PDB file of all heavy atoms in Angstrom:
ATOM      1  N   TYR A   1      51.811  90.680  75.274  1.00  0.00           N
ATOM      2  CA  TYR A   1      52.420  89.906  76.332  1.00  0.00           C
ATOM      3  C   TYR A   1      53.703  90.604  76.771  1.00  0.00           C
ATOM      4  O   TYR A   1      54.231  91.456  76.062  1.00  0.00           O
ATOM      5  CB  TYR A   1      52.749  88.465  75.865  1.00  0.00           C
ATOM      6  CG  TYR A   1      51.606  87.544  75.705  1.00  0.00           C
ATOM      7  CD1 TYR A   1      50.636  87.705  74.701  1.00  0.00           C
ATOM      8  CD2 TYR A   1      51.426  86.495  76.633  1.00  0.00           C
ATOM      9  CE1 TYR A   1      49.591  86.834  74.551  1.00  0.00           C
ATOM     10  CE2 TYR A   1      50.388  85.609  76.474  1.00  0.00           C
ATOM     11  CZ  TYR A   1      49.460  85.793  75.450  1.00  0.00           C
ATOM     12  OH  TYR A   1      48.403  84.878  75.340  1.00  0.00           O
ATOM     13  N   ARG A   2      54.177  90.200  77.928  1.00  0.00           N
ATOM     14  CA  ARG A   2      55.469  90.698  78.358  1.00  0.00           C
ATOM     15  C   ARG A   2      56.212  89.637  79.103  1.00  0.00           C
ATOM     16  O   ARG A   2      55.615  88.703  79.651  1.00  0.00           O
ATOM     17  CB  ARG A   2      55.315  91.960  79.228  1.00  0.00           C
ATOM     18  CG  ARG A   2      54.654  91.720  80.596  1.00  0.00           C
ATOM     19  CD  ARG A   2      54.475  93.046  81.359  1.00  0.00           C
ATOM     20  NE  ARG A   2      53.895  92.794  82.696  1.00  0.00           N
ATOM     21  CZ  ARG A   2      53.507  93.779  83.462  1.00  0.00           C
ATOM     22  NH1 ARG A   2      53.626  95.065  83.100  1.00  0.00           N
ATOM     23  NH2 ARG A   2      52.993  93.521  84.660  1.00  0.00           N
ATOM     24  N   GLN A   3      57.512  89.782  79.037  1.00  0.00           N
ATOM     25  CA  GLN A   3      58.334  88.801  79.722  1.00  0.00           C
ATOM     26  C   GLN A   3      59.555  89.517  80.372  1.00  0.00           C
ATOM     27  O   GLN A   3      60.340  90.154  79.691  1.00  0.00           O
ATOM     28  CB  GLN A   3      58.856  87.722  78.800  1.00  0.00           C
ATOM     29  CG  GLN A   3      59.592  86.600  79.446  1.00  0.00           C
ATOM     30  CD  GLN A   3      59.821  85.403  78.551  1.00  0.00           C
ATOM     31  OE1 GLN A   3      59.783  85.554  77.308  1.00  0.00           O
ATOM     32  NE2 GLN A   3      59.974  84.242  79.112  1.00  0.00           N
ATOM     33  N   ALA A   4      59.633  89.397  81.645  1.00  0.00           N
ATOM     34  CA  ALA A   4      60.734  89.924  82.438  1.00  0.00           C
ATOM     35  C   ALA A   4      61.760  88.841  82.609  1.00  0.00           C
ATOM     36  O   ALA A   4      61.403  87.681  82.607  1.00  0.00           O
ATOM     37  CB  ALA A   4      60.281  90.500  83.738  1.00  0.00           C
ATOM     38  N   PRO A   5      63.032  89.168  82.830  1.00  0.00           N
ATOM     39  CA  PRO A   5      64.044  88.184  83.057  1.00  0.00           C
ATOM     40  C   PRO A   5      63.679  87.242  84.204  1.00  0.00           C
ATOM     41  O   PRO A   5      63.294  87.674  85.285  1.00  0.00           O
ATOM     42  CB  PRO A   5      65.275  89.011  83.405  1.00  0.00           C
ATOM     43  CG  PRO A   5      65.056  90.307  82.705  1.00  0.00           C
ATOM     44  CD  PRO A   5      63.563  90.546  82.843  1.00  0.00           C
ATOM     45  N   GLY A   6      63.814  85.944  83.969  1.00  0.00           N
ATOM     46  CA  GLY A   6      63.478  84.968  84.955  1.00  0.00           C
ATOM     47  C   GLY A   6      62.001  84.720  85.170  1.00  0.00           C
ATOM     48  O   GLY A   6      61.643  83.901  86.049  1.00  0.00           O
ATOM     49  N   LYS A   7      61.167  85.391  84.369  1.00  0.00           N
ATOM     50  CA  LYS A   7      59.729  85.188  84.550  1.00  0.00           C
ATOM     51  C   LYS A   7      59.116  84.594  83.307  1.00  0.00           C
ATOM     52  O   LYS A   7      59.681  84.683  82.204  1.00  0.00           O
ATOM     53  CB  LYS A   7      59.077  86.567  84.818  1.00  0.00           C
ATOM     54  CG  LYS A   7      59.580  87.307  86.027  1.00  0.00           C
ATOM     55  CD  LYS A   7      59.199  86.581  87.311  1.00  0.00           C
ATOM     56  CE  LYS A   7      59.640  87.396  88.502  1.00  0.00           C
ATOM     57  NZ  LYS A   7      59.217  86.712  89.783  1.00  0.00           N
ATOM     58  N   GLN A   8      57.959  83.991  83.466  1.00  0.00           N
ATOM     59  CA  GLN A   8      57.221  83.478  82.330  1.00  0.00           C
ATOM     60  C   GLN A   8      56.574  84.611  81.540  1.00  0.00           C
ATOM     61  O   GLN A   8      56.237  85.645  82.133  1.00  0.00           O
ATOM     62  CB  GLN A   8      56.174  82.469  82.756  1.00  0.00           C
ATOM     63  CG  GLN A   8      56.710  81.114  83.239  1.00  0.00           C
ATOM     64  CD  GLN A   8      55.635  80.080  83.398  1.00  0.00           C
ATOM     65  OE1 GLN A   8      54.502  80.436  83.764  1.00  0.00           O
ATOM     66  NE2 GLN A   8      55.960  78.850  83.218  1.00  0.00           N
ATOM     67  N   ARG A   9      56.360  84.385  80.292  1.00  0.00           N
ATOM     68  CA  ARG A   9      55.667  85.356  79.493  1.00  0.00           C
ATOM     69  C   ARG A   9      54.235  85.399  79.992  1.00  0.00           C
ATOM     70  O   ARG A   9      53.564  84.355  80.164  1.00  0.00           O
ATOM     71  CB  ARG A   9      55.692  85.003  78.029  1.00  0.00           C
ATOM     72  CG  ARG A   9      55.173  86.030  77.090  1.00  0.00           C
ATOM     73  CD  ARG A   9      55.272  85.581  75.650  1.00  0.00           C
ATOM     74  NE  ARG A   9      56.657  85.345  75.266  1.00  0.00           N
ATOM     75  CZ  ARG A   9      57.044  84.901  74.088  1.00  0.00           C
ATOM     76  NH1 ARG A   9      56.143  84.637  73.146  1.00  0.00           N
ATOM     77  NH2 ARG A   9      58.327  84.716  73.797  1.00  0.00           N
ATOM     78  N   GLU A  10      53.722  86.583  80.157  1.00  0.00           N
ATOM     79  CA  GLU A  10      52.368  86.721  80.675  1.00  0.00           C
ATOM     80  C   GLU A  10      51.551  87.645  79.733  1.00  0.00           C
ATOM     81  O   GLU A  10      52.061  88.573  79.125  1.00  0.00           O
ATOM     82  CB  GLU A  10      52.376  87.314  82.069  1.00  0.00           C
ATOM     83  CG  GLU A  10      52.899  88.738  82.192  1.00  0.00           C
ATOM     84  CD  GLU A  10      52.695  89.351  83.572  1.00  0.00           C
ATOM     85  OE1 GLU A  10      51.876  88.802  84.366  1.00  0.00           O
ATOM     86  OE2 GLU A  10      53.351  90.374  83.847  1.00  0.00           O
ATOM     87  N   LEU A  11      50.261  87.368  79.719  1.00  0.00           N
ATOM     88  CA  LEU A  11      49.343  88.234  78.953  1.00  0.00           C
ATOM     89  C   LEU A  11      49.166  89.525  79.683  1.00  0.00           C
ATOM     90  O   LEU A  11      48.832  89.565  80.895  1.00  0.00           O
ATOM     91  CB  LEU A  11      48.029  87.515  78.780  1.00  0.00           C
ATOM     92  CG  LEU A  11      46.911  88.328  78.084  1.00  0.00           C
ATOM     93  CD1 LEU A  11      47.278  88.607  76.640  1.00  0.00           C
ATOM     94  CD2 LEU A  11      45.580  87.629  78.192  1.00  0.00           C
ATOM     95  N   VAL A  12      49.348  90.633  78.991  1.00  0.00           N
ATOM     96  CA  VAL A  12      49.137  91.958  79.558  1.00  0.00           C
ATOM     97  C   VAL A  12      47.739  92.432  79.221  1.00  0.00           C
ATOM     98  O   VAL A  12      46.975  92.855  80.086  1.00  0.00           O
ATOM     99  CB  VAL A  12      50.202  92.919  79.062  1.00  0.00           C
ATOM    100  CG1 VAL A  12      49.926  94.326  79.559  1.00  0.00           C
ATOM    101  CG2 VAL A  12      51.593  92.477  79.408  1.00  0.00           C
ATOM    102  N   ALA A  13      47.411  92.357  77.938  1.00  0.00           N
ATOM    103  CA  ALA A  13      46.150  92.865  77.459  1.00  0.00           C
ATOM    104  C   ALA A  13      45.807  92.254  76.117  1.00  0.00           C
ATOM    105  O   ALA A  13      46.709  91.942  75.331  1.00  0.00           O
ATOM    106  CB  ALA A  13      46.100  94.367  77.363  1.00  0.00           C
ATOM    107  N   SER A  14      44.553  91.996  75.873  1.00  0.00           N
ATOM    108  CA  SER A  14      44.118  91.509  74.570  1.00  0.00           C
ATOM    109  C   SER A  14      42.809  92.133  74.174  1.00  0.00           C
ATOM    110  O   SER A  14      42.059  92.636  75.010  1.00  0.00           O
ATOM    111  CB  SER A  14      44.013  89.976  74.609  1.00  0.00           C
ATOM    112  OG  SER A  14      42.942  89.596  75.508  1.00  0.00           O
ATOM    113  N   ARG A  15      42.596  92.117  72.871  1.00  0.00           N
ATOM    114  CA  ARG A  15      41.374  92.685  72.357  1.00  0.00           C
ATOM    115  C   ARG A  15      40.939  91.869  71.159  1.00  0.00           C
ATOM    116  O   ARG A  15      41.733  91.573  70.258  1.00  0.00           O
ATOM    117  CB  ARG A  15      41.582  94.152  71.906  1.00  0.00           C
ATOM    118  CG  ARG A  15      40.282  94.844  71.488  1.00  0.00           C
ATOM    119  CD  ARG A  15      40.538  96.287  71.102  1.00  0.00           C
ATOM    120  NE  ARG A  15      39.366  96.955  70.609  1.00  0.00           N
ATOM    121  CZ  ARG A  15      38.489  97.626  71.330  1.00  0.00           C
ATOM    122  NH1 ARG A  15      38.666  97.716  72.625  1.00  0.00           N
ATOM    123  NH2 ARG A  15      37.440  98.186  70.718  1.00  0.00           N
ATOM    124  N   THR A  16      39.683  91.442  71.176  1.00  0.00           N
ATOM    125  CA  THR A  16      39.158  90.656  70.071  1.00  0.00           C
ATOM    126  C   THR A  16      38.602  91.543  68.976  1.00  0.00           C
ATOM    127  O   THR A  16      38.473  92.771  69.120  1.00  0.00           O
ATOM    128  CB  THR A  16      38.042  89.735  70.577  1.00  0.00           C
ATOM    129  OG1 THR A  16      36.932  90.526  70.954  1.00  0.00           O
ATOM    130  CG2 THR A  16      38.470  88.914  71.778  1.00  0.00           C
ATOM    131  N   SER A  17      38.288  90.900  67.834  1.00  0.00           N
ATOM    132  CA  SER A  17      37.674  91.668  66.745  1.00  0.00           C
ATOM    133  C   SER A  17      36.355  92.266  67.169  1.00  0.00           C
ATOM    134  O   SER A  17      35.994  93.327  66.653  1.00  0.00           O
ATOM    135  CB  SER A  17      37.481  90.709  65.551  1.00  0.00           C
ATOM    136  OG  SER A  17      38.702  90.214  65.046  1.00  0.00           O
ATOM    137  N   GLY A  18      35.660  91.606  68.070  1.00  0.00           N
ATOM    138  CA  GLY A  18      34.420  92.135  68.543  1.00  0.00           C
ATOM    139  C   GLY A  18      34.507  93.220  69.589  1.00  0.00           C
ATOM    140  O   GLY A  18      33.493  93.784  69.990  1.00  0.00           O
ATOM    141  N   GLY A  19      35.699  93.536  70.004  1.00  0.00           N
ATOM    142  CA  GLY A  19      35.893  94.614  70.950  1.00  0.00           C
ATOM    143  C   GLY A  19      36.050  94.223  72.403  1.00  0.00           C
ATOM    144  O   GLY A  19      36.297  95.105  73.239  1.00  0.00           O
ATOM    145  N   SER A  20      35.975  92.935  72.693  1.00  0.00           N
ATOM    146  CA  SER A  20      36.180  92.499  74.061  1.00  0.00           C
ATOM    147  C   SER A  20      37.629  92.645  74.488  1.00  0.00           C
ATOM    148  O   SER A  20      38.536  92.359  73.671  1.00  0.00           O
ATOM    149  CB  SER A  20      35.764  91.020  74.191  1.00  0.00           C
ATOM    150  OG  SER A  20      34.405  90.874  73.907  1.00  0.00           O
ATOM    151  N   THR A  21      37.844  93.089  75.680  1.00  0.00           N
ATOM    152  CA  THR A  21      39.201  93.289  76.191  1.00  0.00           C
ATOM    153  C   THR A  21      39.422  92.479  77.451  1.00  0.00           C
ATOM    154  O   THR A  21      38.500  92.153  78.174  1.00  0.00           O
ATOM    155  CB  THR A  21      39.483  94.765  76.494  1.00  0.00           C
ATOM    156  OG1 THR A  21      38.512  95.240  77.434  1.00  0.00           O
ATOM    157  CG2 THR A  21      39.362  95.595  75.204  1.00  0.00           C
ATOM    158  N   ASN A  22      40.667  92.174  77.684  1.00  0.00           N
ATOM    159  CA  ASN A  22      41.097  91.451  78.864  1.00  0.00           C
ATOM    160  C   ASN A  22      42.436  92.010  79.319  1.00  0.00           C
ATOM    161  O   ASN A  22      43.275  92.250  78.494  1.00  0.00           O
ATOM    162  CB  ASN A  22      41.171  89.958  78.596  1.00  0.00           C
ATOM    163  CG  ASN A  22      41.467  89.148  79.816  1.00  0.00           C
ATOM    164  OD1 ASN A  22      40.856  89.379  80.878  1.00  0.00           O
ATOM    165  ND2 ASN A  22      42.388  88.207  79.732  1.00  0.00           N
ATOM    166  N   TYR A  23      42.563  92.202  80.617  1.00  0.00           N
ATOM    167  CA  TYR A  23      43.804  92.765  81.179  1.00  0.00           C
ATOM    168  C   TYR A  23      44.281  91.935  82.339  1.00  0.00           C
ATOM    169  O   TYR A  23      43.518  91.358  83.077  1.00  0.00           O
ATOM    170  CB  TYR A  23      43.558  94.206  81.680  1.00  0.00           C
ATOM    171  CG  TYR A  23      43.182  95.199  80.613  1.00  0.00           C
ATOM    172  CD1 TYR A  23      41.874  95.449  80.316  1.00  0.00           C
ATOM    173  CD2 TYR A  23      44.181  95.908  79.930  1.00  0.00           C
ATOM    174  CE1 TYR A  23      41.520  96.362  79.348  1.00  0.00           C
ATOM    175  CE2 TYR A  23      43.829  96.816  78.966  1.00  0.00           C
ATOM    176  CZ  TYR A  23      42.520  97.066  78.684  1.00  0.00           C
ATOM    177  OH  TYR A  23      42.185  98.006  77.714  1.00  0.00           O
ATOM    178  N   ALA A  24      45.582  91.901  82.448  1.00  0.00           N
ATOM    179  CA  ALA A  24      46.151  91.300  83.644  1.00  0.00           C
ATOM    180  C   ALA A  24      45.805  92.207  84.851  1.00  0.00           C
ATOM    181  O   ALA A  24      45.691  93.410  84.721  1.00  0.00           O
ATOM    182  CB  ALA A  24      47.705  91.247  83.519  1.00  0.00           C
ATOM    183  N   ASP A  25      45.610  91.559  85.972  1.00  0.00           N
ATOM    184  CA  ASP A  25      45.223  92.313  87.179  1.00  0.00           C
ATOM    185  C   ASP A  25      46.256  93.396  87.519  1.00  0.00           C
ATOM    186  O   ASP A  25      45.907  94.440  88.041  1.00  0.00           O
ATOM    187  CB  ASP A  25      45.085  91.329  88.353  1.00  0.00           C
ATOM    188  CG  ASP A  25      43.846  90.469  88.275  1.00  0.00           C
ATOM    189  OD1 ASP A  25      42.922  90.823  87.523  1.00  0.00           O
ATOM    190  OD2 ASP A  25      43.810  89.433  88.948  1.00  0.00           O
ATOM    191  N   SER A  26      47.497  93.100  87.238  1.00  0.00           N
ATOM    192  CA  SER A  26      48.561  94.025  87.595  1.00  0.00           C
ATOM    193  C   SER A  26      48.549  95.335  86.794  1.00  0.00           C
ATOM    194  O   SER A  26      49.156  96.299  87.201  1.00  0.00           O
ATOM    195  CB  SER A  26      49.924  93.354  87.411  1.00  0.00           C
ATOM    196  OG  SER A  26      50.119  92.927  86.098  1.00  0.00           O
ATOM    197  N   VAL A  27      47.830  95.345  85.683  1.00  0.00           N
ATOM    198  CA  VAL A  27      47.831  96.525  84.813  1.00  0.00           C
ATOM    199  C   VAL A  27      46.461  97.159  84.717  1.00  0.00           C
ATOM    200  O   VAL A  27      46.318  98.241  84.103  1.00  0.00           O
ATOM    201  CB  VAL A  27      48.385  96.216  83.433  1.00  0.00           C
ATOM    202  CG1 VAL A  27      49.734  95.585  83.539  1.00  0.00           C
ATOM    203  CG2 VAL A  27      47.439  95.362  82.617  1.00  0.00           C
ATOM    204  N   LYS A  28      45.428  96.573  85.255  1.00  0.00           N
ATOM    205  CA  LYS A  28      44.079  97.121  85.181  1.00  0.00           C
ATOM    206  C   LYS A  28      44.052  98.512  85.760  1.00  0.00           C
ATOM    207  O   LYS A  28      44.572  98.777  86.800  1.00  0.00           O
ATOM    208  CB  LYS A  28      43.091  96.218  85.923  1.00  0.00           C
ATOM    209  CG  LYS A  28      42.763  94.938  85.176  1.00  0.00           C
ATOM    210  CD  LYS A  28      41.738  94.119  85.945  1.00  0.00           C
ATOM    211  CE  LYS A  28      41.403  92.864  85.169  1.00  0.00           C
ATOM    212  NZ  LYS A  28      40.442  92.005  85.936  1.00  0.00           N
ATOM    213  N   GLY A  29      43.436  99.406  85.028  1.00  0.00           N
ATOM    214  CA  GLY A  29      43.332 100.797  85.433  1.00  0.00           C
ATOM    215  C   GLY A  29      44.481 101.640  85.021  1.00  0.00           C
ATOM    216  O   GLY A  29      44.436 102.856  85.101  1.00  0.00           O
ATOM    217  N   ARG A  30      45.546 101.054  84.526  1.00  0.00           N
ATOM    218  CA  ARG A  30      46.730 101.778  84.071  1.00  0.00           C
ATOM    219  C   ARG A  30      46.986 101.621  82.587  1.00  0.00           C
ATOM    220  O   ARG A  30      47.436 102.535  81.916  1.00  0.00           O
ATOM    221  CB  ARG A  30      47.972 101.324  84.835  1.00  0.00           C
ATOM    222  CG  ARG A  30      47.861 101.538  86.340  1.00  0.00           C
ATOM    223  CD  ARG A  30      49.206 101.255  87.045  1.00  0.00           C
ATOM    224  NE  ARG A  30      49.629  99.840  86.889  1.00  0.00           N
ATOM    225  CZ  ARG A  30      50.768  99.481  86.270  1.00  0.00           C
ATOM    226  NH1 ARG A  30      51.564 100.378  85.803  1.00  0.00           N
ATOM    227  NH2 ARG A  30      51.035  98.190  86.223  1.00  0.00           N
ATOM    228  N   PHE A  31      46.702 100.439  82.052  1.00  0.00           N
ATOM    229  CA  PHE A  31      46.991 100.129  80.645  1.00  0.00           C
ATOM    230  C   PHE A  31      45.647 100.069  79.860  1.00  0.00           C
ATOM    231  O   PHE A  31      44.680  99.627  80.374  1.00  0.00           O
ATOM    232  CB  PHE A  31      47.711  98.832  80.470  1.00  0.00           C
ATOM    233  CG  PHE A  31      49.139  98.815  80.954  1.00  0.00           C
ATOM    234  CD1 PHE A  31      49.676  99.872  81.704  1.00  0.00           C
ATOM    235  CD2 PHE A  31      49.969  97.747  80.687  1.00  0.00           C
ATOM    236  CE1 PHE A  31      51.006  99.837  82.155  1.00  0.00           C
ATOM    237  CE2 PHE A  31      51.242  97.703  81.135  1.00  0.00           C
ATOM    238  CZ  PHE A  31      51.772  98.741  81.887  1.00  0.00           C
ATOM    239  N   THR A  32      45.722 100.481  78.635  1.00  0.00           N
ATOM    240  CA  THR A  32      44.550 100.377  77.753  1.00  0.00           C
ATOM    241  C   THR A  32      44.987  99.898  76.383  1.00  0.00           C
ATOM    242  O   THR A  32      45.900 100.408  75.768  1.00  0.00           O
ATOM    243  CB  THR A  32      43.899 101.762  77.584  1.00  0.00           C
ATOM    244  OG1 THR A  32      43.518 102.289  78.847  1.00  0.00           O
ATOM    245  CG2 THR A  32      42.639 101.618  76.720  1.00  0.00           C
ATOM    246  N   ILE A  33      44.283  98.862  75.951  1.00  0.00           N
ATOM    247  CA  ILE A  33      44.577  98.317  74.589  1.00  0.00           C
ATOM    248  C   ILE A  33      43.492  98.830  73.653  1.00  0.00           C
ATOM    249  O   ILE A  33      42.345  98.916  74.008  1.00  0.00           O
ATOM    250  CB  ILE A  33      44.599  96.764  74.606  1.00  0.00           C
ATOM    251  CG1 ILE A  33      45.066  96.244  73.247  1.00  0.00           C
ATOM    252  CG2 ILE A  33      43.287  96.162  75.013  1.00  0.00           C
ATOM    253  CD1 ILE A  33      45.373  94.717  73.183  1.00  0.00           C
ATOM    254  N   SER A  34      43.923  99.149  72.494  1.00  0.00           N
ATOM    255  CA  SER A  34      42.971  99.624  71.454  1.00  0.00           C
ATOM    256  C   SER A  34      43.414  99.132  70.071  1.00  0.00           C
ATOM    257  O   SER A  34      44.572  98.791  69.911  1.00  0.00           O
ATOM    258  CB  SER A  34      42.849 101.139  71.496  1.00  0.00           C
ATOM    259  OG  SER A  34      44.066 101.759  71.169  1.00  0.00           O
ATOM    260  N   ARG A  35      42.511  99.129  69.198  1.00  0.00           N
ATOM    261  CA  ARG A  35      42.755  98.666  67.828  1.00  0.00           C
ATOM    262  C   ARG A  35      42.258  99.682  66.822  1.00  0.00           C
ATOM    263  O   ARG A  35      41.162 100.245  66.980  1.00  0.00           O
ATOM    264  CB  ARG A  35      42.121  97.301  67.555  1.00  0.00           C
ATOM    265  CG  ARG A  35      42.765  96.167  68.275  1.00  0.00           C
ATOM    266  CD  ARG A  35      41.923  94.880  68.205  1.00  0.00           C
ATOM    267  NE  ARG A  35      41.732  94.416  66.836  1.00  0.00           N
ATOM    268  CZ  ARG A  35      41.322  93.181  66.554  1.00  0.00           C
ATOM    269  NH1 ARG A  35      41.076  92.313  67.504  1.00  0.00           N
ATOM    270  NH2 ARG A  35      41.154  92.820  65.282  1.00  0.00           N
ATOM    271  N   ASP A  36      43.012  99.858  65.790  1.00  0.00           N
ATOM    272  CA  ASP A  36      42.590 100.656  64.630  1.00  0.00           C
ATOM    273  C   ASP A  36      42.598  99.650  63.460  1.00  0.00           C
ATOM    274  O   ASP A  36      43.607  99.400  62.865  1.00  0.00           O
ATOM    275  CB  ASP A  36      43.518 101.783  64.378  1.00  0.00           C
ATOM    276  CG  ASP A  36      43.033 102.698  63.273  1.00  0.00           C
ATOM    277  OD1 ASP A  36      42.252 102.255  62.419  1.00  0.00           O
ATOM    278  OD2 ASP A  36      43.436 103.880  63.238  1.00  0.00           O
ATOM    279  N   ASN A  37      41.418  99.088  63.194  1.00  0.00           N
ATOM    280  CA  ASN A  37      41.323  98.084  62.181  1.00  0.00           C
ATOM    281  C   ASN A  37      41.648  98.568  60.783  1.00  0.00           C
ATOM    282  O   ASN A  37      42.165  97.847  59.944  1.00  0.00           O
ATOM    283  CB  ASN A  37      39.941  97.441  62.197  1.00  0.00           C
ATOM    284  CG  ASN A  37      39.692  96.575  63.437  1.00  0.00           C
ATOM    285  OD1 ASN A  37      40.601  95.982  63.968  1.00  0.00           O
ATOM    286  ND2 ASN A  37      38.419  96.538  63.843  1.00  0.00           N
ATOM    287  N   ALA A  38      41.358  99.847  60.513  1.00  0.00           N
ATOM    288  CA  ALA A  38      41.639 100.406  59.237  1.00  0.00           C
ATOM    289  C   ALA A  38      43.163 100.432  58.997  1.00  0.00           C
ATOM    290  O   ALA A  38      43.603 100.302  57.850  1.00  0.00           O
ATOM    291  CB  ALA A  38      41.073 101.818  59.129  1.00  0.00           C
ATOM    292  N   LYS A  39      43.925 100.587  60.022  1.00  0.00           N
ATOM    293  CA  LYS A  39      45.383 100.632  59.941  1.00  0.00           C
ATOM    294  C   LYS A  39      46.040  99.313  60.308  1.00  0.00           C
ATOM    295  O   LYS A  39      47.281  99.176  60.295  1.00  0.00           O
ATOM    296  CB  LYS A  39      45.929 101.741  60.802  1.00  0.00           C
ATOM    297  CG  LYS A  39      45.519 103.116  60.396  1.00  0.00           C
ATOM    298  CD  LYS A  39      46.140 104.199  61.312  1.00  0.00           C
ATOM    299  CE  LYS A  39      45.744 105.584  60.883  1.00  0.00           C
ATOM    300  NZ  LYS A  39      46.333 106.613  61.792  1.00  0.00           N
ATOM    301  N   ASN A  40      45.216  98.326  60.671  1.00  0.00           N
ATOM    302  CA  ASN A  40      45.744  97.023  61.129  1.00  0.00           C
ATOM    303  C   ASN A  40      46.765  97.196  62.244  1.00  0.00           C
ATOM    304  O   ASN A  40      47.827  96.609  62.221  1.00  0.00           O
ATOM    305  CB  ASN A  40      46.321  96.229  59.941  1.00  0.00           C
ATOM    306  CG  ASN A  40      45.266  95.818  58.957  1.00  0.00           C
ATOM    307  OD1 ASN A  40      44.139  95.474  59.339  1.00  0.00           O
ATOM    308  ND2 ASN A  40      45.616  95.865  57.715  1.00  0.00           N
ATOM    309  N   THR A  41      46.445  98.043  63.170  1.00  0.00           N
ATOM    310  CA  THR A  41      47.340  98.384  64.232  1.00  0.00           C
ATOM    311  C   THR A  41      46.696  98.253  65.597  1.00  0.00           C
ATOM    312  O   THR A  41      45.510  98.619  65.772  1.00  0.00           O
ATOM    313  CB  THR A  41      47.866  99.844  64.073  1.00  0.00           C
ATOM    314  OG1 THR A  41      48.529  99.944  62.782  1.00  0.00           O
ATOM    315  CG2 THR A  41      48.840 100.220  65.166  1.00  0.00           C
ATOM    316  N   VAL A  42      47.458  97.730  66.535  1.00  0.00           N
ATOM    317  CA  VAL A  42      46.999  97.658  67.926  1.00  0.00           C
ATOM    318  C   VAL A  42      47.945  98.493  68.750  1.00  0.00           C
ATOM    319  O   VAL A  42      49.133  98.552  68.494  1.00  0.00           O
ATOM    320  CB  VAL A  42      46.930  96.207  68.415  1.00  0.00           C
ATOM    321  CG1 VAL A  42      48.316  95.556  68.422  1.00  0.00           C
ATOM    322  CG2 VAL A  42      46.293  96.134  69.793  1.00  0.00           C
ATOM    323  N   TYR A  43      47.386  99.141  69.758  1.00  0.00           N
ATOM    324  CA  TYR A  43      48.142  99.992  70.631  1.00  0.00           C
ATOM    325  C   TYR A  43      48.009  99.573  72.048  1.00  0.00           C
ATOM    326  O   TYR A  43      47.061  98.937  72.478  1.00  0.00           O
ATOM    327  CB  TYR A  43      47.602 101.455  70.537  1.00  0.00           C
ATOM    328  CG  TYR A  43      47.562 102.018  69.145  1.00  0.00           C
ATOM    329  CD1 TYR A  43      46.435 101.953  68.363  1.00  0.00           C
ATOM    330  CD2 TYR A  43      48.689 102.626  68.604  1.00  0.00           C
ATOM    331  CE1 TYR A  43      46.390 102.459  67.090  1.00  0.00           C
ATOM    332  CE2 TYR A  43      48.657 103.140  67.299  1.00  0.00           C
ATOM    333  CZ  TYR A  43      47.527 103.051  66.558  1.00  0.00           C
ATOM    334  OH  TYR A  43      47.474 103.558  65.290  1.00  0.00           O
TER     335      TYR A  43
END
């Protein structure tokens, strides 16, 4: 998520355990979310 001053917190990108992803329209095509489950890390 992200929050700019004076703005509501908004979802930027999410990824489920099953690999489904969701992106805010404003970042589609520019941002990519990924997960490394072995490292318990999301990027």
